[in-house]
C-alpha cells in the first residue's frame, strides 16, 4: 500500500473549496464486525487503508472507536492513533466516554485539532470530560442528553443545548469548535421522531448560528428495512434544516453523491463547481 500524507492546509483547502458539510468517517469502529478483528489483531495496513479510503472519498475527520474492547479500550485507541497518524495528518474524532483513554491519546496526537465524541449534560460526563476538552482546547460533539435521559421534545433539546453551549464557552471553547448533536432517534419507534429531529436542528441553529449541528445519520433508520434509503432521505432533509456536520460512511458513493447534490441545491456550492468536479471524477451516478 502506498502511504498517504496530507497537511492541515490541504484539509483547509478542501473545506473551503469543497462541500460546506463537515464529514466524519465512521468506518474505524470496533462495533463493526469486519473491523473489530482488524483492531484486535493489530492489522496495521488494513486500518491504514480504511483511513486512506475514507479520506479519499471526502472524510475530513476519521472517527476512532474501541469501546467494544472495554478493559483494553485505552491501549487499542492508542494503537489506532499511532497507526493512522503514521500515514495521515487527517484529524481524529475520538469516540469514547473513557476520560483516561481520551487523555492518553490526546497526549500522543500529532495531527490537527481533534473532536471529542461525545460530551453530554449528564453530571458524570461534565465532571470527567469537560476539563479535558478545556485543557486541550479540542473540538467537541455535545449530545443533547442529560441525567433525565433522552429528550422527547424540541424544547427539551434546545434547553440542553443551551446549557452545554454555555458550559463549553465559559471554559474557553469557541462556538465554531462546538458540534451539537440533537439526538436523532429511530423513526421506526415513533413516527414523529424524524420531524422532532428536523425541528430541533432548525431551532438550535436559529438560536446559536455560530455552532455546528451534527448527526450520526444511521440512527434515524435503526431497526427498519432498507436503511440506506431512509438515511439518504434524512440527509437531504437535515441539510435543508441546517445540519452542517454528519457522521456517515464516506465509502457509500450514493449518499456522498446526494450530499454533493444537496450542497449545490442549497446554494453553498458556487456555480455547482464542486458538483461538476465530482462528476468529472466519476463520483456521481450518471
C-alpha atoms as a PDB file:
ATOM      1  CA  UNK A   1       0.000   0.000   0.000  1.00  0.00           C
ATOM      2  CA  UNK A   2       1.250   3.466  -0.806  1.00  0.00           C
ATOM      3  CA  UNK A   3       1.399   5.660   2.291  1.00  0.00           C
ATOM      4  CA  UNK A   4      -0.654   8.811   2.051  1.00  0.00           C
ATOM      5  CA  UNK A   5       0.274  12.134   3.562  1.00  0.00           C
ATOM      6  CA  UNK A   6      -1.803  15.279   3.675  1.00  0.00           C
ATOM      7  CA  UNK A   7      -1.246  18.536   5.514  1.00  0.00           C
ATOM      8  CA  UNK A   8      -3.625  20.627   7.559  1.00  0.00           C
ATOM      9  CA  UNK A   9      -3.518  23.198   4.754  1.00  0.00           C
ATOM     10  CA  UNK A  10      -4.735  20.507   2.372  1.00  0.00           C
ATOM     11  CA  UNK A  11      -7.724  19.939   4.627  1.00  0.00           C
ATOM     12  CA  UNK A  12      -8.487  23.653   4.906  1.00  0.00           C
ATOM     13  CA  UNK A  13      -8.257  23.961   1.114  1.00  0.00           C
ATOM     14  CA  UNK A  14     -10.666  21.057   0.749  1.00  0.00           C
ATOM     15  CA  UNK A  15     -13.128  22.567   3.234  1.00  0.00           C
ATOM     16  CA  UNK A  16     -13.026  25.969   1.587  1.00  0.00           C
ATOM     17  CA  UNK A  17     -13.223  24.599  -1.925  1.00  0.00           C
ATOM     18  CA  UNK A  18     -15.435  21.592  -1.290  1.00  0.00           C
ATOM     19  CA  UNK A  19     -18.714  20.906   0.455  1.00  0.00           C
ATOM     20  CA  UNK A  20     -19.695  23.022   3.444  1.00  0.00           C
ATOM     21  CA  UNK A  21     -20.762  19.881   5.297  1.00  0.00           C
ATOM     22  CA  UNK A  22     -18.169  18.603   7.798  1.00  0.00           C
ATOM     23  CA  UNK A  23     -17.888  14.854   7.205  1.00  0.00           C
ATOM     24  CA  UNK A  24     -16.736  12.381   9.844  1.00  0.00           C
ATOM     25  CA  UNK A  25     -15.910   8.917   8.530  1.00  0.00           C
ATOM     26  CA  UNK A  26     -17.440   6.214  10.725  1.00  0.00           C
ATOM     27  CA  UNK A  27     -15.698   3.075   9.453  1.00  0.00           C
ATOM     28  CA  UNK A  28     -12.991   2.530  12.118  1.00  0.00           C
ATOM     29  CA  UNK A  29     -15.298   1.362  14.860  1.00  0.00           C
ATOM     30  CA  UNK A  30     -14.826  -1.760  16.966  1.00  0.00           C
ATOM     31  CA  UNK A  31     -18.581  -2.395  16.927  1.00  0.00           C
ATOM     32  CA  UNK A  32     -18.356  -3.229  13.208  1.00  0.00           C
ATOM     33  CA  UNK A  33     -17.959  -6.969  12.652  1.00  0.00           C
ATOM     34  CA  UNK A  34     -15.485  -6.528   9.803  1.00  0.00           C
ATOM     35  CA  UNK A  35     -13.344  -4.014  11.680  1.00  0.00           C
ATOM     36  CA  UNK A  36     -13.121  -5.399  15.218  1.00  0.00           C
ATOM     37  CA  UNK A  37     -10.824  -8.319  14.224  1.00  0.00           C
ATOM     38  CA  UNK A  38      -8.515  -5.900  12.389  1.00  0.00           C
ATOM     39  CA  UNK A  39      -8.063  -3.831  15.534  1.00  0.00           C
ATOM     40  CA  UNK A  40      -7.806  -6.917  17.731  1.00  0.00           C
ATOM     41  CA  UNK A  41      -5.041  -8.409  15.565  1.00  0.00           C
ATOM     42  CA  UNK A  42      -3.259  -5.054  15.114  1.00  0.00           C
ATOM     43  CA  UNK A  43      -3.641  -5.276  11.345  1.00  0.00           C
ATOM     44  CA  UNK A  44      -1.822  -2.044  10.702  1.00  0.00           C
ATOM     45  CA  UNK A  45      -2.020  -1.929   6.926  1.00  0.00           C
ATOM     46  CA  UNK A  46      -5.724  -2.777   6.781  1.00  0.00           C
ATOM     47  CA  UNK A  47      -6.568   0.028   9.238  1.00  0.00           C
ATOM     48  CA  UNK A  48      -4.398   2.487   7.338  1.00  0.00           C
ATOM     49  CA  UNK A  49      -6.139   1.513   4.108  1.00  0.00           C
ATOM     50  CA  UNK A  50      -9.584   2.117   5.627  1.00  0.00           C
ATOM     51  CA  UNK A  51      -8.446   5.524   6.853  1.00  0.00           C
ATOM     52  CA  UNK A  52      -6.966   6.358   3.441  1.00  0.00           C
ATOM     53  CA  UNK A  53     -10.102   5.311   1.584  1.00  0.00           C
ATOM     54  CA  UNK A  54     -12.331   7.410   3.836  1.00  0.00           C
ATOM     55  CA  UNK A  55     -10.156  10.481   3.360  1.00  0.00           C
ATOM     56  CA  UNK A  56     -10.007   9.946  -0.400  1.00  0.00           C
ATOM     57  CA  UNK A  57     -13.813   9.835  -0.518  1.00  0.00           C
ATOM     58  CA  UNK A  58     -14.290  13.081   1.399  1.00  0.00           C
ATOM     59  CA  UNK A  59     -13.936  12.465   5.157  1.00  0.00           C
ATOM     60  CA  UNK A  60     -12.430  15.452   6.951  1.00  0.00           C
ATOM     61  CA  UNK A  61     -12.204  13.576  10.264  1.00  0.00           C
ATOM     62  CA  UNK A  62     -11.573   9.906  10.930  1.00  0.00           C
ATOM     63  CA  UNK A  63     -13.683   8.579  13.799  1.00  0.00           C
ATOM     64  CA  UNK A  64     -11.941   6.025  16.006  1.00  0.00           C
ATOM     65  CA  UNK A  65     -13.854   3.872  18.460  1.00  0.00           C
ATOM     66  CA  UNK A  66     -12.525   0.942  20.516  1.00  0.00           C
ATOM     67  CA  UNK A  67     -15.254   0.840  23.166  1.00  0.00           C
ATOM     68  CA  UNK A  68     -16.068  -2.805  22.378  1.00  0.00           C
ATOM     69  CA  UNK A  69     -12.778  -3.833  23.984  1.00  0.00           C
ATOM     70  CA  UNK A  70     -13.732  -2.361  27.379  1.00  0.00           C
ATOM     71  CA  UNK A  71     -10.676  -3.122  29.566  1.00  0.00           C
ATOM     72  CA  UNK A  72      -8.286  -2.679  26.632  1.00  0.00           C
ATOM     73  CA  UNK A  73     -10.025   0.371  25.196  1.00  0.00           C
ATOM     74  CA  UNK A  74      -7.218   2.814  26.002  1.00  0.00           C
ATOM     75  CA  UNK A  75      -4.480   0.571  24.584  1.00  0.00           C
ATOM     76  CA  UNK A  76      -6.426  -0.120  21.401  1.00  0.00           C
ATOM     77  CA  UNK A  77      -7.281   3.548  20.960  1.00  0.00           C
ATOM     78  CA  UNK A  78      -3.625   4.480  21.389  1.00  0.00           C
ATOM     79  CA  UNK A  79      -2.639   1.892  18.796  1.00  0.00           C
ATOM     80  CA  UNK A  80      -5.171   3.280  16.314  1.00  0.00           C
ATOM     81  CA  UNK A  81      -3.901   6.843  16.737  1.00  0.00           C
ATOM     82  CA  UNK A  82      -0.283   5.810  16.255  1.00  0.00           C
ATOM     83  CA  UNK A  83      -1.167   3.596  13.295  1.00  0.00           C
ATOM     84  CA  UNK A  84      -3.203   6.174  11.388  1.00  0.00           C
ATOM     85  CA  UNK A  85      -1.004   9.184  12.034  1.00  0.00           C
ATOM     86  CA  UNK A  86       1.987   7.297  10.652  1.00  0.00           C
ATOM     87  CA  UNK A  87       0.491   7.882   7.212  1.00  0.00           C
ATOM     88  CA  UNK A  88      -2.015  10.706   7.625  1.00  0.00           C
ATOM     89  CA  UNK A  89      -2.473  14.145   9.142  1.00  0.00           C
ATOM     90  CA  UNK A  90      -6.259  13.902   8.915  1.00  0.00           C
ATOM     91  CA  UNK A  91      -7.628  14.827  12.381  1.00  0.00           C
ATOM     92  CA  UNK A  92      -9.397  12.334  14.603  1.00  0.00           C
ATOM     93  CA  UNK A  93     -12.871  12.163  16.044  1.00  0.00           C
ATOM     94  CA  UNK A  94     -12.186  10.330  19.307  1.00  0.00           C
ATOM     95  CA  UNK A  95     -15.317   8.384  20.156  1.00  0.00           C
ATOM     96  CA  UNK A  96     -15.022   7.393  23.802  1.00  0.00           C
ATOM     97  CA  UNK A  97     -16.572   8.047  27.207  1.00  0.00           C
ATOM     98  CA  UNK A  98     -13.392   6.958  28.998  1.00  0.00           C
ATOM     99  CA  UNK A  99     -11.535  10.089  30.169  1.00  0.00           C
ATOM    100  CA  UNK A 100      -8.230   8.313  30.793  1.00  0.00           C
ATOM    101  CA  UNK A 101      -8.322   6.761  27.303  1.00  0.00           C
ATOM    102  CA  UNK A 102      -9.118  10.117  25.711  1.00  0.00           C
ATOM    103  CA  UNK A 103      -6.347  11.948  27.564  1.00  0.00           C
ATOM    104  CA  UNK A 104      -3.893   9.182  26.748  1.00  0.00           C
ATOM    105  CA  UNK A 105      -4.395   9.594  23.005  1.00  0.00           C
ATOM    106  CA  UNK A 106      -4.536  13.393  23.159  1.00  0.00           C
ATOM    107  CA  UNK A 107      -1.020  13.329  24.592  1.00  0.00           C
ATOM    108  CA  UNK A 108       0.304  11.423  21.574  1.00  0.00           C
ATOM    109  CA  UNK A 109      -1.841  13.125  18.941  1.00  0.00           C
ATOM    110  CA  UNK A 110       0.306  14.870  16.306  1.00  0.00           C
ATOM    111  CA  UNK A 111      -2.490  15.625  13.869  1.00  0.00           C
ATOM    112  CA  UNK A 112      -4.660  18.724  13.723  1.00  0.00           C
ATOM    113  CA  UNK A 113      -7.220  19.631  16.396  1.00  0.00           C
ATOM    114  CA  UNK A 114      -9.333  16.551  17.163  1.00  0.00           C
ATOM    115  CA  UNK A 115     -13.006  16.252  18.053  1.00  0.00           C
ATOM    116  CA  UNK A 116     -14.059  14.576  21.307  1.00  0.00           C
ATOM    117  CA  UNK A 117     -17.153  12.475  20.615  1.00  0.00           C
ATOM    118  CA  UNK A 118     -19.099  12.970  22.805  1.00  0.00           C
ATOM    119  CA  UNK A 119     -19.894  15.133  25.793  1.00  0.00           C
ATOM    120  CA  UNK A 120     -23.403  15.216  27.276  1.00  0.00           C
ATOM    121  CA  UNK A 121     -25.066  17.252  30.006  1.00  0.00           C
ATOM    122  CA  UNK A 122     -25.005  14.256  32.331  1.00  0.00           C
ATOM    123  CA  UNK A 123     -23.201  15.083  35.569  1.00  0.00           C
ATOM    124  CA  UNK A 124     -20.544  12.378  35.159  1.00  0.00           C
ATOM    125  CA  UNK A 125     -19.781  13.496  31.610  1.00  0.00           C
ATOM    126  CA  UNK A 126     -19.427  17.141  32.628  1.00  0.00           C
ATOM    127  CA  UNK A 127     -17.164  16.277  35.562  1.00  0.00           C
ATOM    128  CA  UNK A 128     -14.882  13.895  33.662  1.00  0.00           C
ATOM    129  CA  UNK A 129     -14.794  15.182  30.083  1.00  0.00           C
ATOM    130  CA  UNK A 130     -15.259  18.956  30.238  1.00  0.00           C
ATOM    131  CA  UNK A 131     -11.910  19.577  31.997  1.00  0.00           C
ATOM    132  CA  UNK A 132     -10.076  17.565  29.313  1.00  0.00           C
ATOM    133  CA  UNK A 133     -11.827  19.392  26.472  1.00  0.00           C
ATOM    134  CA  UNK A 134     -10.978  22.706  28.123  1.00  0.00           C
ATOM    135  CA  UNK A 135      -7.340  21.825  28.816  1.00  0.00           C
ATOM    136  CA  UNK A 136      -6.575  20.548  25.308  1.00  0.00           C
ATOM    137  CA  UNK A 137      -8.886  23.046  23.539  1.00  0.00           C
ATOM    138  CA  UNK A 138     -10.334  20.314  21.335  1.00  0.00           C
ATOM    139  CA  UNK A 139     -13.467  20.458  19.258  1.00  0.00           C
ATOM    140  CA  UNK A 140     -16.401  18.597  20.756  1.00  0.00           C
ATOM    141  CA  UNK A 141     -19.615  16.826  19.819  1.00  0.00           C
ATOM    142  CA  UNK A 142     -22.098  17.770  22.537  1.00  0.00           C
ATOM    143  CA  UNK A 143     -25.033  15.406  22.822  1.00  0.00           C
ATOM    144  CA  UNK A 144     -28.472  16.755  23.813  1.00  0.00           C
ATOM    145  CA  UNK A 145     -28.909  14.340  26.689  1.00  0.00           C
ATOM    146  CA  UNK A 146     -28.877  14.858  30.463  1.00  0.00           C
ATOM    147  CA  UNK A 147     -29.399  12.843  33.638  1.00  0.00           C
ATOM    148  CA  UNK A 148     -33.129  12.626  32.996  1.00  0.00           C
ATOM    149  CA  UNK A 149     -32.427  10.534  29.896  1.00  0.00           C
ATOM    150  CA  UNK A 150     -33.011  11.018  26.206  1.00  0.00           C
ATOM    151  CA  UNK A 151     -35.156  14.060  25.394  1.00  0.00           C
ATOM    152  CA  UNK A 152     -38.536  13.690  23.737  1.00  0.00           C
ATOM    153  CA  UNK A 153     -39.337  17.236  22.653  1.00  0.00           C
ATOM    154  CA  UNK A 154     -37.675  20.020  20.682  1.00  0.00           C
ATOM    155  CA  UNK A 155     -37.818  22.330  23.707  1.00  0.00           C
ATOM    156  CA  UNK A 156     -36.002  19.787  25.861  1.00  0.00           C
ATOM    157  CA  UNK A 157     -33.259  19.509  23.256  1.00  0.00           C
ATOM    158  CA  UNK A 158     -32.938  23.270  22.966  1.00  0.00           C
ATOM    159  CA  UNK A 159     -32.710  23.630  26.748  1.00  0.00           C
ATOM    160  CA  UNK A 160     -29.935  21.015  26.972  1.00  0.00           C
ATOM    161  CA  UNK A 161     -28.096  22.574  24.018  1.00  0.00           C
ATOM    162  CA  UNK A 162     -28.270  25.956  25.779  1.00  0.00           C
ATOM    163  CA  UNK A 163     -26.716  24.543  28.959  1.00  0.00           C
ATOM    164  CA  UNK A 164     -23.998  22.676  27.054  1.00  0.00           C
ATOM    165  CA  UNK A 165     -23.029  25.657  24.913  1.00  0.00           C
ATOM    166  CA  UNK A 166     -22.843  27.946  27.963  1.00  0.00           C
ATOM    167  CA  UNK A 167     -20.704  25.446  29.893  1.00  0.00           C
ATOM    168  CA  UNK A 168     -18.341  24.967  26.956  1.00  0.00           C
ATOM    169  CA  UNK A 169     -17.951  28.630  26.046  1.00  0.00           C
ATOM    170  CA  UNK A 170     -17.395  29.535  29.720  1.00  0.00           C
ATOM    171  CA  UNK A 171     -14.384  27.187  29.590  1.00  0.00           C
ATOM    172  CA  UNK A 172     -12.948  28.949  26.553  1.00  0.00           C
ATOM    173  CA  UNK A 173     -14.260  26.639  23.833  1.00  0.00           C
ATOM    174  CA  UNK A 174     -15.113  28.639  20.716  1.00  0.00           C
ATOM    175  CA  UNK A 175     -18.570  28.324  19.185  1.00  0.00           C
ATOM    176  CA  UNK A 176     -17.020  27.106  15.920  1.00  0.00           C
ATOM    177  CA  UNK A 177     -15.493  24.175  17.818  1.00  0.00           C
ATOM    178  CA  UNK A 178     -18.866  23.039  19.206  1.00  0.00           C
ATOM    179  CA  UNK A 179     -20.958  20.451  17.357  1.00  0.00           C
ATOM    180  CA  UNK A 180     -24.425  19.990  18.845  1.00  0.00           C
ATOM    181  CA  UNK A 181     -25.969  16.557  18.308  1.00  0.00           C
ATOM    182  CA  UNK A 182     -29.761  16.952  18.754  1.00  0.00           C
ATOM    183  CA  UNK A 183     -30.157  13.200  19.389  1.00  0.00           C
ATOM    184  CA  UNK A 184     -31.754  11.570  16.380  1.00  0.00           C
ATOM    185  CA  UNK A 185     -33.954   8.678  17.492  1.00  0.00           C
ATOM    186  CA  UNK A 186     -35.180   5.835  15.265  1.00  0.00           C
ATOM    187  CA  UNK A 187     -38.237   6.800  13.260  1.00  0.00           C
ATOM    188  CA  UNK A 188     -39.337   3.163  13.408  1.00  0.00           C
ATOM    189  CA  UNK A 189     -40.050   3.515  17.135  1.00  0.00           C
ATOM    190  CA  UNK A 190     -42.029   6.769  16.867  1.00  0.00           C
ATOM    191  CA  UNK A 191     -43.341   8.260  13.632  1.00  0.00           C
ATOM    192  CA  UNK A 192     -42.716  11.785  14.993  1.00  0.00           C
ATOM    193  CA  UNK A 193     -39.008  11.339  15.721  1.00  0.00           C
ATOM    194  CA  UNK A 194     -37.967  12.454  12.247  1.00  0.00           C
ATOM    195  CA  UNK A 195     -39.987  15.667  12.499  1.00  0.00           C
ATOM    196  CA  UNK A 196     -38.726  16.296  16.040  1.00  0.00           C
ATOM    197  CA  UNK A 197     -35.107  15.901  14.944  1.00  0.00           C
ATOM    198  CA  UNK A 198     -35.542  18.285  11.998  1.00  0.00           C
ATOM    199  CA  UNK A 199     -37.353  20.872  14.122  1.00  0.00           C
ATOM    200  CA  UNK A 200     -34.611  20.612  16.758  1.00  0.00           C
ATOM    201  CA  UNK A 201     -31.936  21.243  14.128  1.00  0.00           C
ATOM    202  CA  UNK A 202     -33.789  24.358  12.935  1.00  0.00           C
ATOM    203  CA  UNK A 203     -34.362  25.632  16.459  1.00  0.00           C
ATOM    204  CA  UNK A 204     -30.783  25.146  17.698  1.00  0.00           C
ATOM    205  CA  UNK A 205     -29.316  26.658  14.537  1.00  0.00           C
ATOM    206  CA  UNK A 206     -31.626  29.671  14.790  1.00  0.00           C
ATOM    207  CA  UNK A 207     -30.706  30.332  18.413  1.00  0.00           C
ATOM    208  CA  UNK A 208     -26.999  29.500  18.078  1.00  0.00           C
ATOM    209  CA  UNK A 209     -25.946  30.200  14.480  1.00  0.00           C
ATOM    210  CA  UNK A 210     -22.259  30.071  15.393  1.00  0.00           C
ATOM    211  CA  UNK A 211     -22.235  26.418  16.448  1.00  0.00           C
ATOM    212  CA  UNK A 212     -22.345  23.372  14.194  1.00  0.00           C
ATOM    213  CA  UNK A 213     -25.169  20.819  14.125  1.00  0.00           C
ATOM    214  CA  UNK A 214     -24.173  17.201  13.607  1.00  0.00           C
ATOM    215  CA  UNK A 215     -25.984  13.862  13.420  1.00  0.00           C
ATOM    216  CA  UNK A 216     -24.996  10.217  13.231  1.00  0.00           C
ATOM    217  CA  UNK A 217     -27.008   9.515  10.122  1.00  0.00           C
ATOM    218  CA  UNK A 218     -27.647   5.827  10.772  1.00  0.00           C
ATOM    219  CA  UNK A 219     -29.575   6.483  13.997  1.00  0.00           C
ATOM    220  CA  UNK A 220     -32.710   7.529  12.118  1.00  0.00           C
ATOM    221  CA  UNK A 221     -33.105   4.142  10.407  1.00  0.00           C
ATOM    222  CA  UNK A 222     -32.231   1.718  13.202  1.00  0.00           C
ATOM    223  CA  UNK A 223     -34.496  -1.320  13.231  1.00  0.00           C
ATOM    224  CA  UNK A 224     -36.218  -0.806   9.885  1.00  0.00           C
ATOM    225  CA  UNK A 225     -35.617  -2.339   6.417  1.00  0.00           C
ATOM    226  CA  UNK A 226     -33.955  -0.518   3.520  1.00  0.00           C
ATOM    227  CA  UNK A 227     -31.955   1.584   5.973  1.00  0.00           C
ATOM    228  CA  UNK A 228     -29.831   3.271   3.320  1.00  0.00           C
ATOM    229  CA  UNK A 229     -32.923   4.736   1.678  1.00  0.00           C
ATOM    230  CA  UNK A 230     -34.082   6.272   4.968  1.00  0.00           C
ATOM    231  CA  UNK A 231     -30.582   7.590   5.686  1.00  0.00           C
ATOM    232  CA  UNK A 232     -30.423   9.216   2.258  1.00  0.00           C
ATOM    233  CA  UNK A 233     -33.802  10.915   2.658  1.00  0.00           C
ATOM    234  CA  UNK A 234     -32.944  12.149   6.132  1.00  0.00           C
ATOM    235  CA  UNK A 235     -29.591  13.538   4.986  1.00  0.00           C
ATOM    236  CA  UNK A 236     -31.214  15.908   2.493  1.00  0.00           C
ATOM    237  CA  UNK A 237     -33.968  16.915   4.919  1.00  0.00           C
ATOM    238  CA  UNK A 238     -31.438  17.589   7.703  1.00  0.00           C
ATOM    239  CA  UNK A 239     -29.186  19.599   5.391  1.00  0.00           C
ATOM    240  CA  UNK A 240     -32.174  21.750   4.461  1.00  0.00           C
ATOM    241  CA  UNK A 241     -32.963  22.240   8.168  1.00  0.00           C
ATOM    242  CA  UNK A 242     -29.427  23.498   8.871  1.00  0.00           C
ATOM    243  CA  UNK A 243     -27.291  20.455   9.719  1.00  0.00           C
ATOM    244  CA  UNK A 244     -23.691  21.151   8.687  1.00  0.00           C
ATOM    245  CA  UNK A 245     -21.910  18.115  10.098  1.00  0.00           C
ATOM    246  CA  UNK A 246     -22.536  14.414   9.611  1.00  0.00           C
ATOM    247  CA  UNK A 247     -21.172  11.064  10.746  1.00  0.00           C
ATOM    248  CA  UNK A 248     -21.542   8.606   7.886  1.00  0.00           C
ATOM    249  CA  UNK A 249     -19.861   6.034   5.672  1.00  0.00           C
ATOM    250  CA  UNK A 250     -17.988   8.078   3.044  1.00  0.00           C
ATOM    251  CA  UNK A 251     -17.400   4.892   1.056  1.00  0.00           C
ATOM    252  CA  UNK A 252     -21.134   4.838   0.254  1.00  0.00           C
ATOM    253  CA  UNK A 253     -20.992   6.525  -3.142  1.00  0.00           C
ATOM    254  CA  UNK A 254     -24.755   7.056  -3.361  1.00  0.00           C
ATOM    255  CA  UNK A 255     -25.058   9.005  -0.145  1.00  0.00           C
ATOM    256  CA  UNK A 256     -21.958  11.059  -0.962  1.00  0.00           C
ATOM    257  CA  UNK A 257     -23.413  11.894  -4.384  1.00  0.00           C
ATOM    258  CA  UNK A 258     -26.626  13.056  -2.696  1.00  0.00           C
ATOM    259  CA  UNK A 259     -24.596  15.188  -0.323  1.00  0.00           C
ATOM    260  CA  UNK A 260     -22.856  16.937  -3.240  1.00  0.00           C
ATOM    261  CA  UNK A 261     -26.202  17.469  -4.977  1.00  0.00           C
ATOM    262  CA  UNK A 262     -27.760  18.833  -1.790  1.00  0.00           C
ATOM    263  CA  UNK A 263     -24.814  21.170  -1.360  1.00  0.00           C
ATOM    264  CA  UNK A 264     -25.425  22.599  -4.823  1.00  0.00           C
ATOM    265  CA  UNK A 265     -29.192  22.929  -4.324  1.00  0.00           C
ATOM    266  CA  UNK A 266     -28.733  24.788  -1.035  1.00  0.00           C
ATOM    267  CA  UNK A 267     -26.565  27.427  -2.686  1.00  0.00           C
ATOM    268  CA  UNK A 268     -23.353  26.581  -0.856  1.00  0.00           C
ATOM    269  CA  UNK A 269     -21.552  25.250  -3.936  1.00  0.00           C
ATOM    270  CA  UNK A 270     -20.827  28.306  -6.093  1.00  0.00           C
ATOM    271  CA  UNK A 271     -21.875  27.706  -9.708  1.00  0.00           C
ATOM    272  CA  UNK A 272     -22.061  23.953  -8.865  1.00  0.00           C
ATOM    273  CA  UNK A 273     -18.283  23.803  -9.292  1.00  0.00           C
ATOM    274  CA  UNK A 274     -17.731  21.082  -6.685  1.00  0.00           C
ATOM    275  CA  UNK A 275     -20.653  19.069  -8.048  1.00  0.00           C
ATOM    276  CA  UNK A 276     -19.194  19.224 -11.559  1.00  0.00           C
ATOM    277  CA  UNK A 277     -15.739  18.328 -10.287  1.00  0.00           C
ATOM    278  CA  UNK A 278     -17.124  15.235  -8.560  1.00  0.00           C
ATOM    279  CA  UNK A 279     -18.926  14.306 -11.771  1.00  0.00           C
ATOM    280  CA  UNK A 280     -15.693  14.526 -13.743  1.00  0.00           C
ATOM    281  CA  UNK A 281     -14.037  12.351 -11.108  1.00  0.00           C
ATOM    282  CA  UNK A 282     -16.722   9.714 -11.666  1.00  0.00           C
ATOM    283  CA  UNK A 283     -18.144  10.094  -8.162  1.00  0.00           C
ATOM    284  CA  UNK A 284     -21.718  10.873  -9.173  1.00  0.00           C
ATOM    285  CA  UNK A 285     -24.226   8.427 -10.557  1.00  0.00           C
ATOM    286  CA  UNK A 286     -24.776   9.082 -14.257  1.00  0.00           C
END
